Protein backbone atom coordinates (compact mmCIF):
# COMPACT_ATOMS: atom_id res chain seq x y z
CA MET A 1 49.53 92.34 43.89
CA LYS A 2 47.35 89.23 44.28
CA ALA A 3 45.53 88.10 47.40
CA THR A 4 46.51 84.67 48.72
CA VAL A 5 43.61 82.47 49.83
CA HIS A 6 44.24 80.31 52.92
CA VAL A 7 42.17 77.73 54.81
CA ALA A 8 41.80 78.62 58.49
CA GLY A 9 43.04 75.91 60.82
CA PRO A 10 41.79 75.45 64.38
CA PRO A 11 42.64 78.25 66.83
CA GLU A 12 45.46 77.44 69.25
CA LEU A 13 46.53 78.80 72.64
CA GLY A 14 42.96 79.73 73.54
CA GLY A 15 42.43 81.64 70.31
CA TYR A 16 45.58 83.73 70.57
CA TYR A 17 47.18 81.98 67.56
CA GLN A 18 45.75 80.60 64.29
CA THR A 19 47.43 79.37 61.12
CA CYS A 20 46.45 78.15 57.66
CA ALA A 21 45.67 74.43 57.70
CA ARG A 22 47.24 74.04 54.25
CA CYS A 23 50.47 76.06 54.25
CA GLY A 24 51.00 77.14 57.88
CA HIS A 25 50.79 80.91 57.21
CA VAL A 26 50.02 82.77 60.46
CA LEU A 27 46.53 84.28 60.27
CA ILE A 28 46.25 85.50 63.89
CA ASP A 29 49.04 86.02 66.41
CA LEU A 30 48.00 87.72 69.63
CA THR A 31 50.60 85.98 71.77
CA GLY A 32 52.27 88.42 74.08
CA SER A 33 49.32 90.81 73.99
CA THR A 34 46.39 91.39 76.30
CA PRO A 35 43.04 91.93 74.57
CA MET A 36 40.88 94.70 76.02
CA VAL A 37 37.78 93.40 77.81
CA VAL A 38 34.88 95.41 79.16
CA GLU A 39 34.69 94.96 82.92
CA GLY A 40 32.20 92.27 83.90
CA GLN A 41 32.11 90.62 80.45
CA ASP A 42 33.74 87.41 79.32
CA PRO A 43 36.67 87.95 76.96
CA VAL A 44 35.92 86.93 73.39
CA ILE A 45 38.89 86.62 71.08
CA PRO A 46 37.87 86.84 67.39
CA VAL A 47 39.13 83.93 65.30
CA TRP A 48 38.42 82.70 61.78
CA PRO A 49 36.03 79.72 61.76
CA THR A 50 37.96 76.49 61.12
CA GLY A 51 37.83 75.61 57.42
CA GLU A 52 36.88 79.15 56.32
CA ARG A 53 38.67 80.45 53.23
CA VAL A 54 40.55 83.59 54.25
CA ALA A 55 42.30 85.84 51.74
CA THR A 56 45.25 87.98 52.77
CA ILE A 57 46.76 90.87 50.84
CA GLY A 58 49.23 93.02 52.72
CA ASN A 59 47.70 93.64 56.17
CA ALA A 60 44.12 93.19 54.93
CA THR A 61 42.13 89.96 55.36
CA TYR A 62 38.69 88.98 54.13
CA VAL A 63 36.50 85.89 53.80
CA VAL A 64 36.18 84.18 50.43
CA PRO A 65 32.70 82.58 50.40
CA THR A 66 32.63 78.80 49.97
CA GLY A 67 31.84 77.83 46.40
CA ARG A 68 32.83 81.19 44.90
CA GLN A 69 35.34 81.03 42.08
CA LEU A 70 38.56 82.88 42.79
CA GLY A 71 38.95 86.21 41.04
CA ALA A 72 41.80 87.09 38.70
CA ASP A 73 43.46 88.89 41.61
CA GLU A 74 43.34 85.86 43.99
CA ILE A 75 45.44 82.69 44.19
CA GLU A 76 45.25 79.60 46.44
CA CYS A 77 48.13 79.00 48.83
CA ARG A 78 50.31 75.94 48.28
CA ALA A 79 50.55 73.09 50.74
CA ALA A 80 53.62 73.15 52.97
CA SER A 81 56.10 70.44 52.05
C-alpha cells in the first residue's frame, strides 16, 4: 500500500475541519466532537500548517518535509476535477 501525499488547506470551522487544498481529501474532521481541555487553559485544536505536505496511509498521517523527494511508497494526490 502506498501513502498518498496531500497539501494541507486552511483550517475551517475554527480548526475542527481541514481538507487537502489540491484534491479535497478530509485531513481533520472533529465536527460533532468536543476536544478535552484542561480547566483554566485555552483550547488548542491541532491542525496541519497550511501548505504542509501531509501523507496519509490508512489511519496514519505524517509530514513530508518540503523539498524531499517522494519515496517509492509515496504518491502525490491528484487535483479534484
